[in-house]
Amino acid sequence: MKSTKRLHAAFFINKLNRQAGVLAFLGGMALYYGWRMFALTPWYDELYTYYCFISKGPLYAAIHWPLPNNHVGYSVLSAFLDYLGNPYIGLRGISYLCALANICLLYKIAEKYKKGWMPLAVVILYVSMNLVNQLAVQGRGYTLGITCFLTAWLCMTAICGEKKAGRKVYAVYALSLVLGLYAVSSNVYWVVPLCIAGGCCLLFKGIQESRERTCFVLKTESGKKLVKLVAASVAAALGTVFLYGLIWLAIGSNLLVKDISSAYYGMGHVKMILQAPFAAIGRGMEYMLDTPYIQSEERAGFFGRFWEWLQTLSGYFYPLSSLVMIIWGIGILFALYRIVKGIRAKAYKDMLLYLVLFWGIILVPVCLLIQCKRPYYRVFTYGGVFLAMLLGVLADFVLTFLAQKSSGKKKDFSFVLFLGAVAVGVKCLGFSGYHTQYGVNEYEIQDAFSQGDMKNRQAICVTDCNQEYLLYFLYGIRCENREIEGADAVLLDKRMTDPDFTEMVWEFYHYYDTVPWDYIRQNMTKTYENNNYILYTAEVSAGQTAAEPENG
């Protein structure tokens, strides 16, 4: 009796220690992500998103997409936070909240499959990845997409579980897919594998139940769940099409009323939409398809380039890319082994986990090989979830196997796995150079602006688009003046001061030949210089007032 009480007491204390560890880790990451949110200067993609969409309000952000690089859903949500008045919170607040939510969601998912310290170890392995860390609080939609992925996965565990899942679970699942695709359209790379994994899990269970009860698959409990899952997935697809349809409608009407060859030229937007909505939608869809986010490549030699791309992507998670590639390969085989074993043993408890890992890892390379595309690495940041889970289950399997071989008993070695994850986290987050600025140019522009008393300037000239966007982000001044003559503050990239520099730089508004050097010499003073920029300023005349900043 006493020994039983001692076991219960030890289990309770251990559980409290784990909970305290999770809370302490979450608090530490909240402080760390908060520091990153304000300490790192936004880079071009963030600044472009803030300047062109977030700062103009939720409605504007919802119906404008002039470039395929815009993350519409993220911009809409961020536009609401921007009303708080702090540009850093407006740009990165959603990502910050999602980064913390991802820690909780991933822990909860891992805890569904394994108790002890293993779930916390998985979370630590996840946040320690370079790609995950770099995008955690960026003002882009990737972290939000991972939140949607984890939420949908958590809903899927309830749907594929033994108990009945309520309507709310299916609704949250569908909404997660919609928001994920609305935030970043390339999230389709995790949406499809997740849906297939859930469908396969319910189908396998349904077949087994139909054999036991000698009835049609769809009449079994799992079969009914499968029908509901398919219905929820179809509803998510229709919801996504509706949201993008609004964008197509807005883009199409704008193009048609400005096209001289169009029958709707010169017509008002509202009238055009009411008169020919399908023409507007068709034109908007055509425009978006004509400007794809990722261009297809030549098929000749693609496999070699793609293999190199996979190695580089693996290196963005952890420095040892070859080791990560080996883990991907072992993980696929291990997941397939557990799936087959589960089907033969009629044990479906952990089936969904291995189906998600298998389809999530195997389906993306297959699709990209068929498409002949190599998307930006950041598109696959969610792959960190797969890698962390793989490392967790593989390490747990190996430790359990070794313990059983040596003692003949199963022992919980999850604390050893936790300590290993902590060591990886300390090495990666503390000593792997994760904390450099996102962009050197943007950081140095901010540095130079801080020396120029920009808030009290009346006539600022911007000489490249990064300056234009940063000026608004930092000081609330929406400046489109590109004329240096008459300006009282001009920031020049040092390449603009070199008469021999003729390389095309798309960000530049000026080159050496377009800079009025006589005006600068006679009216301005070199105020500050750093590695890449020179700031010239002129004295503000008496009685001259500073330009009024425009609130975002």
Protein backbone atom coordinates (compact mmCIF):
# COMPACT_ATOMS: atom_id res chain seq x y z
CA MET A 1 0.00 0.00 0.00
CA LYS A 2 2.80 2.39 0.97
CA SER A 3 4.72 1.62 -2.20
CA THR A 4 1.62 2.39 -4.28
CA LYS A 5 1.21 5.73 -2.53
CA ARG A 6 4.85 6.50 -3.13
CA LEU A 7 4.44 5.73 -6.84
CA HIS A 8 1.41 8.01 -7.08
CA ALA A 9 3.25 10.76 -5.20
CA ALA A 10 6.30 10.41 -7.46
CA PHE A 11 4.11 10.54 -10.58
CA PHE A 12 2.29 13.63 -9.29
CA ILE A 13 5.56 15.43 -8.45
CA ASN A 14 7.01 14.52 -11.83
CA LYS A 15 3.92 15.86 -13.57
CA LEU A 16 4.14 19.12 -11.61
CA ASN A 17 7.80 19.42 -12.59
CA ARG A 18 6.91 18.95 -16.26
CA GLN A 19 4.14 21.53 -16.09
CA ALA A 20 6.45 23.98 -14.35
CA GLY A 21 9.06 23.29 -17.03
CA VAL A 22 6.58 23.99 -19.82
CA LEU A 23 5.41 27.25 -18.21
CA ALA A 24 8.98 28.38 -17.56
CA PHE A 25 9.97 27.59 -21.14
CA LEU A 26 6.91 29.40 -22.53
CA GLY A 27 7.69 32.46 -20.38
CA GLY A 28 11.30 32.46 -21.52
CA MET A 29 10.32 32.22 -25.19
CA ALA A 30 7.76 35.01 -24.72
CA LEU A 31 10.57 37.29 -23.52
CA TYR A 32 12.95 36.10 -26.24
CA TYR A 33 10.45 36.56 -29.06
CA GLY A 34 9.44 39.92 -27.60
CA TRP A 35 13.06 41.05 -27.76
CA ARG A 36 13.39 39.87 -31.37
CA MET A 37 10.15 41.60 -32.34
CA PHE A 38 11.48 45.05 -31.39
CA ALA A 39 15.27 44.63 -31.72
CA LEU A 40 15.49 43.44 -35.33
CA THR A 41 14.90 45.97 -38.10
CA PRO A 42 12.23 44.82 -40.57
CA TRP A 43 13.54 43.74 -43.97
CA TYR A 44 12.11 44.53 -47.39
CA ASP A 45 9.27 41.98 -47.56
CA GLU A 46 8.01 43.02 -44.12
CA LEU A 47 8.27 46.72 -44.93
CA TYR A 48 6.50 46.29 -48.27
CA THR A 49 3.67 44.37 -46.56
CA TYR A 50 3.29 47.06 -43.89
CA TYR A 51 3.52 50.04 -46.23
CA CYS A 52 1.25 48.75 -48.99
CA PHE A 53 -1.33 46.71 -47.06
CA ILE A 54 -1.32 46.58 -43.25
CA SER A 55 -1.11 50.35 -42.76
CA LYS A 56 -4.10 50.93 -45.06
CA GLY A 57 -6.59 49.00 -42.97
CA PRO A 58 -8.24 45.55 -42.96
CA LEU A 59 -10.67 46.20 -45.84
CA TYR A 60 -7.98 47.50 -48.17
CA ALA A 61 -5.68 44.60 -47.26
CA ALA A 62 -8.48 42.08 -47.91
CA ILE A 63 -9.14 43.08 -51.52
CA HIS A 64 -5.73 44.14 -52.81
CA TRP A 65 -3.09 41.81 -54.15
CA PRO A 66 -1.03 43.55 -56.86
CA LEU A 67 1.88 41.18 -56.30
CA PRO A 68 1.78 37.46 -55.49
CA ASN A 69 4.14 38.02 -52.56
CA ASN A 70 1.38 39.50 -50.40
CA HIS A 71 0.07 37.36 -47.54
CA VAL A 72 -3.52 38.56 -47.58
CA GLY A 73 -4.93 36.87 -44.47
CA TYR A 74 -1.95 37.92 -42.38
CA SER A 75 -2.21 41.51 -43.57
CA VAL A 76 -5.93 41.64 -42.70
CA LEU A 77 -5.38 40.41 -39.13
CA SER A 78 -2.32 42.63 -38.64
CA ALA A 79 -4.25 45.68 -39.84
CA PHE A 80 -6.50 45.35 -36.78
CA LEU A 81 -3.50 45.24 -34.43
CA ASP A 82 -2.04 48.26 -36.23
CA TYR A 83 -4.85 50.36 -34.76
CA LEU A 84 -2.98 50.09 -31.44
CA GLY A 85 -0.56 52.65 -32.86
CA ASN A 86 2.75 50.77 -32.58
CA PRO A 87 4.16 49.76 -35.99
CA TYR A 88 6.17 46.85 -34.56
CA ILE A 89 3.04 45.39 -32.96
CA GLY A 90 1.03 46.10 -36.11
CA LEU A 91 3.60 44.37 -38.32
CA ARG A 92 4.74 41.52 -36.09
CA GLY A 93 2.15 41.18 -33.33
CA ILE A 94 0.19 38.39 -35.03
CA SER A 95 3.38 36.42 -35.67
CA TYR A 96 4.45 36.91 -32.04
CA LEU A 97 1.16 35.56 -30.69
CA CYS A 98 1.21 32.69 -33.17
CA ALA A 99 4.81 31.76 -32.30
CA LEU A 100 3.79 31.33 -28.65
CA ALA A 101 0.58 29.53 -29.63
CA ASN A 102 2.63 27.11 -31.74
CA ILE A 103 4.63 26.09 -28.68
CA CYS A 104 1.43 25.23 -26.81
CA LEU A 105 -0.22 23.48 -29.78
CA LEU A 106 2.83 21.39 -30.66
CA TYR A 107 3.22 20.36 -27.01
CA LYS A 108 -0.44 19.34 -26.86
CA ILE A 109 -0.17 17.30 -30.09
CA ALA A 110 3.03 15.53 -28.94
CA GLU A 111 1.39 14.81 -25.58
CA LYS A 112 -1.42 12.97 -27.42
CA TYR A 113 1.10 10.34 -28.48
CA LYS A 114 3.63 10.25 -25.64
CA LYS A 115 3.62 11.35 -22.02
CA GLY A 116 6.61 12.29 -19.89
CA TRP A 117 9.25 14.77 -21.01
CA MET A 118 9.13 13.86 -24.68
CA PRO A 119 6.53 16.54 -25.70
CA LEU A 120 8.62 19.34 -24.19
CA ALA A 121 11.72 17.91 -25.88
CA VAL A 122 9.90 18.05 -29.24
CA VAL A 123 8.95 21.68 -28.66
CA ILE A 124 12.54 22.64 -27.75
CA LEU A 125 13.86 20.87 -30.85
CA TYR A 126 11.30 22.78 -32.94
CA VAL A 127 12.06 26.29 -31.67
CA SER A 128 15.81 25.60 -31.95
CA MET A 129 15.66 25.36 -35.74
CA ASN A 130 17.17 28.28 -37.62
CA LEU A 131 14.36 28.69 -40.17
CA VAL A 132 11.70 28.51 -37.46
CA ASN A 133 13.56 31.03 -35.32
CA GLN A 134 14.16 33.49 -38.16
CA LEU A 135 10.50 33.56 -39.22
CA ALA A 136 8.94 33.27 -35.76
CA VAL A 137 8.14 36.98 -35.32
CA GLN A 138 8.60 38.29 -38.85
CA GLY A 139 5.77 40.34 -40.28
CA ARG A 140 4.84 37.62 -42.75
CA GLY A 141 2.21 34.88 -42.76
CA TYR A 142 4.40 31.80 -42.29
CA THR A 143 4.11 31.52 -38.50
CA LEU A 144 0.35 32.09 -38.75
CA GLY A 145 0.24 29.27 -41.31
CA ILE A 146 1.94 26.91 -38.85
CA THR A 147 -0.63 27.84 -36.20
CA CYS A 148 -3.38 26.90 -38.63
CA PHE A 149 -1.58 23.65 -39.45
CA LEU A 150 -1.19 22.64 -35.80
CA THR A 151 -4.78 23.61 -35.00
CA ALA A 152 -6.08 21.52 -37.90
CA TRP A 153 -3.85 18.61 -36.84
CA LEU A 154 -5.15 18.83 -33.26
CA CYS A 155 -8.72 18.81 -34.57
CA MET A 156 -7.84 15.81 -36.73
CA THR A 157 -6.66 13.85 -33.67
CA ALA A 158 -10.08 14.41 -32.11
CA ILE A 159 -11.87 13.44 -35.33
CA CYS A 160 -9.82 10.26 -35.76
CA GLY A 161 -10.06 9.36 -32.06
CA GLU A 162 -12.32 6.80 -30.46
CA LYS A 163 -14.89 9.31 -29.26
CA LYS A 164 -17.31 11.26 -31.42
CA ALA A 165 -16.13 14.72 -32.45
CA GLY A 166 -18.66 17.54 -32.17
CA ARG A 167 -19.55 19.98 -34.92
CA LYS A 168 -17.28 22.60 -33.39
CA VAL A 169 -14.24 20.39 -34.04
CA TYR A 170 -15.09 20.05 -37.73
CA ALA A 171 -15.83 23.80 -37.92
CA VAL A 172 -12.49 24.76 -36.33
CA TYR A 173 -10.73 22.28 -38.62
CA ALA A 174 -12.31 23.83 -41.73
CA LEU A 175 -11.65 27.39 -40.57
CA SER A 176 -8.00 26.51 -39.89
CA LEU A 177 -7.60 25.31 -43.47
CA VAL A 178 -9.31 28.44 -44.84
CA LEU A 179 -7.19 30.84 -42.78
CA GLY A 180 -4.02 28.88 -43.58
CA LEU A 181 -4.63 29.16 -47.33
CA TYR A 182 -5.83 32.77 -47.03
CA ALA A 183 -2.67 33.69 -45.12
CA VAL A 184 -0.24 32.00 -47.52
CA SER A 185 -1.55 30.25 -50.63
CA SER A 186 1.48 27.92 -50.69
CA ASN A 187 0.21 26.38 -47.44
CA VAL A 188 -1.55 24.01 -49.79
CA TYR A 189 1.64 21.94 -49.37
CA TRP A 190 0.58 21.01 -45.82
CA VAL A 191 -3.19 21.19 -46.32
CA VAL A 192 -3.29 18.34 -48.85
CA PRO A 193 -1.07 15.88 -46.90
CA LEU A 194 -3.01 16.53 -43.69
CA CYS A 195 -6.36 15.91 -45.38
CA ILE A 196 -5.05 12.73 -47.04
CA ALA A 197 -3.57 11.48 -43.74
CA GLY A 198 -6.85 11.99 -41.89
CA GLY A 199 -8.82 10.37 -44.69
CA CYS A 200 -6.50 7.34 -44.80
CA CYS A 201 -6.66 6.89 -41.03
CA LEU A 202 -10.47 6.89 -40.99
CA LEU A 203 -10.62 4.69 -44.08
CA PHE A 204 -8.33 2.04 -42.54
CA LYS A 205 -10.36 2.05 -39.35
CA GLY A 206 -13.62 1.97 -41.30
CA ILE A 207 -12.53 -1.06 -43.32
CA GLN A 208 -11.64 -2.92 -40.14
CA GLU A 209 -14.96 -2.00 -38.52
CA SER A 210 -16.89 -3.06 -41.63
CA ARG A 211 -15.24 -6.49 -41.52
CA GLU A 212 -16.10 -6.93 -37.86
CA ARG A 213 -19.72 -5.83 -38.29
CA THR A 214 -20.18 -7.06 -41.87
CA CYS A 215 -21.51 -3.74 -43.12
CA PHE A 216 -20.63 -1.11 -45.70
CA VAL A 217 -17.57 1.03 -44.81
CA LEU A 218 -19.41 4.35 -44.83
CA LYS A 219 -22.00 3.00 -42.40
CA THR A 220 -19.38 2.36 -39.72
CA GLU A 221 -18.54 4.97 -37.09
CA SER A 222 -15.23 5.77 -38.81
CA GLY A 223 -16.97 5.84 -42.20
CA LYS A 224 -19.41 8.45 -40.95
CA LYS A 225 -16.51 10.49 -39.60
CA LEU A 226 -14.80 10.19 -42.98
CA VAL A 227 -17.88 11.61 -44.74
CA LYS A 228 -17.96 14.54 -42.28
CA LEU A 229 -14.23 15.11 -42.73
CA VAL A 230 -14.59 15.21 -46.52
CA ALA A 231 -17.55 17.60 -46.17
CA ALA A 232 -15.54 19.88 -43.86
CA SER A 233 -12.60 19.83 -46.28
CA VAL A 234 -14.86 20.68 -49.24
CA ALA A 235 -16.43 23.49 -47.20
CA ALA A 236 -12.92 24.82 -46.48
CA ALA A 237 -12.08 24.71 -50.19
CA LEU A 238 -15.27 26.64 -51.05
CA GLY A 239 -14.58 29.18 -48.29
CA THR A 240 -11.07 29.73 -49.61
CA VAL A 241 -12.36 30.19 -53.17
CA PHE A 242 -14.90 32.73 -51.87
CA LEU A 243 -12.23 34.82 -50.12
CA TYR A 244 -9.94 34.76 -53.13
CA GLY A 245 -12.98 35.45 -55.31
CA LEU A 246 -13.35 38.81 -53.53
CA ILE A 247 -9.74 39.61 -54.44
CA TRP A 248 -10.28 38.51 -58.05
CA LEU A 249 -13.40 40.68 -58.18
CA ALA A 250 -11.55 43.76 -56.91
CA ILE A 251 -8.47 43.23 -59.09
CA GLY A 252 -10.48 42.38 -62.20
CA SER A 253 -12.80 45.37 -61.94
CA ASN A 254 -9.84 47.70 -61.39
CA LEU A 255 -8.07 46.36 -64.49
CA LEU A 256 -11.16 46.39 -66.72
CA VAL A 257 -12.24 49.97 -65.96
CA LYS A 258 -8.70 51.18 -66.75
CA ASP A 259 -8.26 49.13 -69.94
CA ILE A 260 -8.97 51.24 -73.04
CA SER A 261 -9.77 48.13 -75.06
CA SER A 262 -12.30 46.95 -72.46
CA ALA A 263 -16.05 47.47 -72.85
CA TYR A 264 -16.08 48.68 -69.23
CA TYR A 265 -13.41 51.39 -69.68
CA GLY A 266 -14.13 54.48 -67.61
CA MET A 267 -17.01 52.85 -65.73
CA GLY A 268 -17.23 53.11 -61.94
CA HIS A 269 -15.94 50.12 -59.96
CA VAL A 270 -19.23 49.40 -58.19
CA LYS A 271 -21.26 49.71 -61.38
CA MET A 272 -18.85 47.46 -63.27
CA ILE A 273 -18.99 44.79 -60.54
CA LEU A 274 -22.78 44.88 -60.38
CA GLN A 275 -23.11 44.77 -64.15
CA ALA A 276 -20.53 42.05 -64.92
CA PRO A 277 -19.21 40.34 -61.74
CA PHE A 278 -18.09 37.18 -63.53
CA ALA A 279 -16.10 39.18 -66.08
CA ALA A 280 -14.30 40.91 -63.21
CA ILE A 281 -13.64 37.62 -61.41
CA GLY A 282 -12.35 36.02 -64.62
CA ARG A 283 -10.02 38.95 -65.34
CA GLY A 284 -8.73 38.98 -61.77
CA MET A 285 -8.10 35.23 -61.81
CA GLU A 286 -6.32 35.54 -65.16
CA TYR A 287 -4.09 38.30 -63.77
CA MET A 288 -3.10 36.23 -60.73
CA LEU A 289 -2.39 33.12 -62.82
CA ASP A 290 -0.26 35.19 -65.18
CA THR A 291 1.92 36.34 -62.25
CA PRO A 292 2.64 33.10 -60.34
CA TYR A 293 4.53 33.26 -57.04
CA ILE A 294 7.00 30.56 -58.12
CA GLN A 295 7.91 30.07 -61.77
CA SER A 296 8.29 26.57 -63.23
CA GLU A 297 11.76 25.54 -64.40
CA GLU A 298 13.15 23.58 -67.29
CA ARG A 299 12.74 19.84 -66.73
CA ALA A 300 16.22 19.03 -68.09
CA GLY A 301 18.57 18.57 -65.14
CA PHE A 302 15.87 19.52 -62.64
CA PHE A 303 16.35 16.48 -60.39
CA GLY A 304 19.97 17.45 -59.67
CA ARG A 305 19.01 21.04 -58.88
CA PHE A 306 16.11 19.82 -56.76
CA TRP A 307 18.34 17.47 -54.74
CA GLU A 308 20.69 20.37 -54.03
CA TRP A 309 17.67 22.49 -53.04
CA LEU A 310 16.53 19.78 -50.56
CA GLN A 311 19.98 19.70 -48.98
CA THR A 312 20.03 23.48 -48.61
CA LEU A 313 16.52 23.47 -47.12
CA SER A 314 17.59 20.81 -44.60
CA GLY A 315 20.56 22.96 -43.64
CA TYR A 316 18.22 25.83 -42.82
CA PHE A 317 16.65 23.72 -40.07
CA TYR A 318 19.89 22.53 -38.47
CA PRO A 319 23.49 23.23 -39.58
CA LEU A 320 24.25 19.57 -40.42
CA SER A 321 22.24 19.25 -43.64
CA SER A 322 23.50 15.73 -44.46
CA LEU A 323 22.38 14.44 -41.05
CA VAL A 324 18.97 16.07 -41.49
CA MET A 325 18.60 14.44 -44.91
CA ILE A 326 19.37 11.05 -43.35
CA ILE A 327 16.76 11.69 -40.66
CA TRP A 328 14.17 12.52 -43.36
CA GLY A 329 14.95 9.22 -45.10
CA ILE A 330 14.86 7.13 -41.91
CA GLY A 331 11.72 8.94 -40.83
CA ILE A 332 9.83 8.01 -44.00
CA LEU A 333 10.76 4.35 -43.63
CA PHE A 334 9.99 4.34 -39.90
CA ALA A 335 6.59 5.98 -40.41
CA LEU A 336 5.73 3.48 -43.16
CA TYR A 337 6.81 0.61 -40.91
CA ARG A 338 4.58 1.82 -38.07
CA ILE A 339 1.63 2.33 -40.42
CA VAL A 340 1.89 -1.20 -41.83
CA LYS A 341 2.41 -2.64 -38.34
CA GLY A 342 -0.62 -0.77 -37.03
CA ILE A 343 -2.84 -2.02 -39.85
CA ARG A 344 -1.74 -5.65 -39.35
CA ALA A 345 -2.16 -5.46 -35.58
CA LYS A 346 -5.45 -3.55 -35.93
CA ALA A 347 -3.95 -0.91 -33.62
CA TYR A 348 -4.83 2.61 -34.73
CA LYS A 349 -3.90 4.61 -31.63
CA ASP A 350 -0.88 6.37 -33.16
CA MET A 351 -1.83 5.80 -36.79
CA LEU A 352 -2.63 9.46 -37.54
CA LEU A 353 0.78 10.65 -36.32
CA TYR A 354 2.69 8.38 -38.69
CA LEU A 355 0.31 9.04 -41.58
CA VAL A 356 0.78 12.80 -41.18
CA LEU A 357 4.57 12.39 -41.03
CA PHE A 358 4.63 10.02 -44.01
CA TRP A 359 2.38 12.05 -46.32
CA GLY A 360 3.79 15.37 -45.13
CA ILE A 361 7.35 14.33 -45.98
CA ILE A 362 6.82 12.22 -49.10
CA LEU A 363 4.10 14.18 -50.90
CA VAL A 364 5.81 17.58 -51.13
CA PRO A 365 8.93 16.37 -53.03
CA VAL A 366 6.71 14.36 -55.36
CA CYS A 367 4.51 17.39 -56.10
CA LEU A 368 7.51 19.68 -56.66
CA LEU A 369 9.13 17.17 -59.00
CA ILE A 370 5.90 17.02 -61.01
CA GLN A 371 5.52 20.82 -60.97
CA CYS A 372 9.22 21.39 -61.70
CA LYS A 373 9.39 24.13 -59.07
CA ARG A 374 11.76 25.09 -56.27
CA PRO A 375 9.83 27.48 -53.99
CA TYR A 376 11.48 29.81 -51.49
CA TYR A 377 12.81 27.89 -48.49
CA ARG A 378 10.68 29.86 -46.04
CA VAL A 379 7.53 28.39 -47.61
CA PHE A 380 8.40 25.09 -45.89
CA THR A 381 9.07 26.43 -42.40
CA TYR A 382 6.24 24.19 -41.20
CA GLY A 383 8.56 21.26 -42.05
CA GLY A 384 10.19 22.00 -38.71
CA VAL A 385 7.11 20.46 -37.07
CA PHE A 386 7.66 17.20 -38.97
CA LEU A 387 11.39 17.17 -38.21
CA ALA A 388 10.90 17.81 -34.48
CA MET A 389 8.25 15.09 -34.21
CA LEU A 390 10.45 12.67 -36.16
CA LEU A 391 13.42 13.32 -33.89
CA GLY A 392 11.19 12.86 -30.85
CA VAL A 393 9.59 9.57 -31.87
CA LEU A 394 12.81 8.11 -33.31
CA ALA A 395 14.86 8.97 -30.22
CA ASP A 396 12.12 7.67 -27.93
CA PHE A 397 11.90 4.43 -29.93
CA VAL A 398 15.67 3.87 -29.82
CA LEU A 399 15.97 4.62 -26.09
CA THR A 400 13.02 2.38 -25.24
CA PHE A 401 14.39 -0.43 -27.42
CA LEU A 402 17.86 -0.24 -25.81
CA ALA A 403 16.38 -0.16 -22.31
CA GLN A 404 14.21 -3.20 -23.02
CA LYS A 405 17.16 -5.09 -24.50
CA SER A 406 19.38 -4.42 -21.49
CA SER A 407 16.87 -4.96 -18.67
CA GLY A 408 13.95 -6.75 -20.28
CA LYS A 409 11.59 -4.01 -19.11
CA LYS A 410 10.21 -0.89 -20.73
CA LYS A 411 11.52 2.22 -19.01
CA ASP A 412 10.75 5.89 -19.53
CA PHE A 413 13.93 7.58 -20.78
CA SER A 414 12.11 10.70 -21.96
CA PHE A 415 14.06 12.83 -19.46
CA VAL A 416 17.28 11.84 -21.25
CA LEU A 417 15.67 12.95 -24.52
CA PHE A 418 14.65 16.22 -22.83
CA LEU A 419 18.23 16.88 -21.68
CA GLY A 420 19.48 16.19 -25.20
CA ALA A 421 16.93 18.64 -26.61
CA VAL A 422 18.03 21.28 -24.08
CA ALA A 423 21.65 20.82 -25.19
CA VAL A 424 20.59 21.27 -28.84
CA GLY A 425 18.55 24.36 -27.91
CA VAL A 426 21.41 25.99 -25.99
CA LYS A 427 23.83 25.30 -28.84
CA CYS A 428 21.52 26.58 -31.59
CA LEU A 429 19.88 29.56 -29.89
CA GLY A 430 22.98 30.63 -27.98
CA PHE A 431 25.94 29.90 -30.23
CA SER A 432 24.81 29.57 -33.84
CA GLY A 433 24.57 33.18 -34.97
CA TYR A 434 20.76 33.26 -35.07
CA HIS A 435 20.56 36.86 -33.87
CA THR A 436 21.98 38.86 -36.76
CA GLN A 437 19.84 41.50 -38.48
CA TYR A 438 17.49 40.34 -41.25
CA GLY A 439 18.87 42.86 -43.74
CA VAL A 440 22.08 44.89 -43.56
CA ASN A 441 20.74 47.71 -45.73
CA GLU A 442 17.54 48.17 -43.75
CA TYR A 443 19.45 48.15 -40.46
CA GLU A 444 21.94 50.76 -41.68
CA ILE A 445 19.16 52.96 -43.07
CA GLN A 446 17.51 52.93 -39.65
CA ASP A 447 20.86 53.71 -38.07
CA ALA A 448 21.42 56.69 -40.40
CA PHE A 449 17.85 58.00 -39.95
CA SER A 450 18.38 58.01 -36.17
CA GLN A 451 21.18 60.56 -36.70
CA GLY A 452 19.19 62.90 -38.94
CA ASP A 453 16.38 64.22 -36.71
CA MET A 454 13.90 62.95 -39.30
CA LYS A 455 10.81 63.87 -37.26
CA ASN A 456 11.64 67.56 -37.60
CA ARG A 457 12.49 67.54 -41.30
CA GLN A 458 10.27 69.45 -43.70
CA ALA A 459 11.52 68.19 -47.09
CA ILE A 460 12.95 64.68 -47.03
CA CYS A 461 14.06 62.96 -50.23
CA VAL A 462 13.99 59.16 -50.49
CA THR A 463 16.49 57.67 -52.91
CA ASP A 464 15.43 54.02 -52.74
CA CYS A 465 12.28 52.11 -51.79
CA ASN A 466 13.71 50.72 -48.55
CA GLN A 467 14.15 54.28 -47.29
CA GLU A 468 10.62 55.14 -48.35
CA TYR A 469 9.09 52.21 -46.49
CA LEU A 470 11.29 52.57 -43.38
CA LEU A 471 10.58 56.28 -43.12
CA TYR A 472 6.90 55.52 -42.83
CA PHE A 473 7.38 52.51 -40.54
CA LEU A 474 9.67 54.33 -38.09
CA TYR A 475 8.30 57.86 -38.15
CA GLY A 476 4.85 57.66 -39.73
CA ILE A 477 5.98 59.88 -42.63
CA ARG A 478 4.67 58.72 -46.00
CA CYS A 479 7.19 60.39 -48.29
CA GLU A 480 7.22 59.87 -52.06
CA ASN A 481 9.50 62.80 -52.87
CA ARG A 482 12.45 61.66 -55.00
CA GLU A 483 13.73 65.13 -55.94
CA ILE A 484 17.00 65.90 -54.17
CA GLU A 485 17.01 69.60 -55.04
CA GLY A 486 15.09 71.44 -52.34
CA ALA A 487 15.41 68.60 -49.84
CA ASP A 488 16.78 69.11 -46.33
CA ALA A 489 17.64 65.43 -45.75
CA VAL A 490 19.02 62.97 -48.31
CA LEU A 491 20.36 59.49 -47.64
CA LEU A 492 22.57 58.07 -50.40
CA ASP A 493 23.69 54.51 -50.83
CA LYS A 494 27.47 54.67 -51.33
CA ARG A 495 27.07 52.92 -54.66
CA MET A 496 25.18 56.02 -55.85
CA THR A 497 28.30 58.09 -55.19
CA ASP A 498 30.46 55.94 -57.48
CA PRO A 499 30.48 57.17 -61.12
CA ASP A 500 31.72 53.77 -62.27
CA PHE A 501 28.84 51.83 -60.67
CA THR A 502 26.34 50.99 -63.42
CA GLU A 503 24.84 47.73 -62.18
CA MET A 504 21.04 47.66 -62.18
CA VAL A 505 19.66 47.82 -58.60
CA TRP A 506 15.87 47.61 -58.61
CA GLU A 507 15.49 49.39 -55.25
CA PHE A 508 17.30 52.54 -56.44
CA TYR A 509 15.55 55.74 -57.48
CA HIS A 510 18.89 57.47 -58.20
CA TYR A 511 22.33 56.74 -59.60
CA TYR A 512 25.47 58.90 -59.74
CA ASP A 513 24.36 60.65 -62.94
CA THR A 514 20.95 61.63 -61.52
CA VAL A 515 22.28 63.06 -58.24
CA PRO A 516 22.60 66.92 -58.32
CA TRP A 517 26.04 67.07 -56.73
CA ASP A 518 26.33 70.86 -57.03
CA TYR A 519 23.16 71.30 -54.94
CA ILE A 520 24.45 68.90 -52.28
CA ARG A 521 27.87 70.59 -52.09
CA GLN A 522 26.41 74.11 -51.82
CA ASN A 523 23.42 73.48 -49.57
CA MET A 524 23.98 70.33 -47.53
CA THR A 525 26.40 68.87 -45.00
CA LYS A 526 27.55 65.31 -44.56
CA THR A 527 25.99 64.55 -41.20
CA TYR A 528 26.58 60.83 -40.76
CA GLU A 529 28.18 57.91 -42.52
CA ASN A 530 28.13 54.17 -41.90
CA ASN A 531 29.32 51.18 -43.94
CA ASN A 532 26.84 51.59 -46.78
CA TYR A 533 25.10 54.98 -46.49
CA ILE A 534 25.90 58.68 -46.30
CA LEU A 535 23.39 61.10 -44.77
CA TYR A 536 23.33 64.70 -46.04
CA THR A 537 21.24 67.30 -44.22
CA ALA A 538 20.51 71.01 -44.44
CA GLU A 539 19.61 73.41 -41.67
CA VAL A 540 15.86 73.78 -41.17
CA SER A 541 14.98 77.45 -41.79
CA ALA A 542 13.61 79.53 -38.95
CA GLY A 543 9.85 79.30 -38.77
CA GLN A 544 9.85 76.17 -40.88
CA THR A 545 7.82 73.36 -39.31
CA ALA A 546 8.31 69.66 -39.56
CA ALA A 547 6.20 67.58 -41.87
CA GLU A 548 3.16 66.10 -40.19
CA PRO A 549 3.50 62.33 -39.92
CA GLU A 550 0.69 60.26 -41.36
CA ASN A 551 -0.73 57.78 -38.90
CA GLY A 552 -0.84 54.21 -40.13
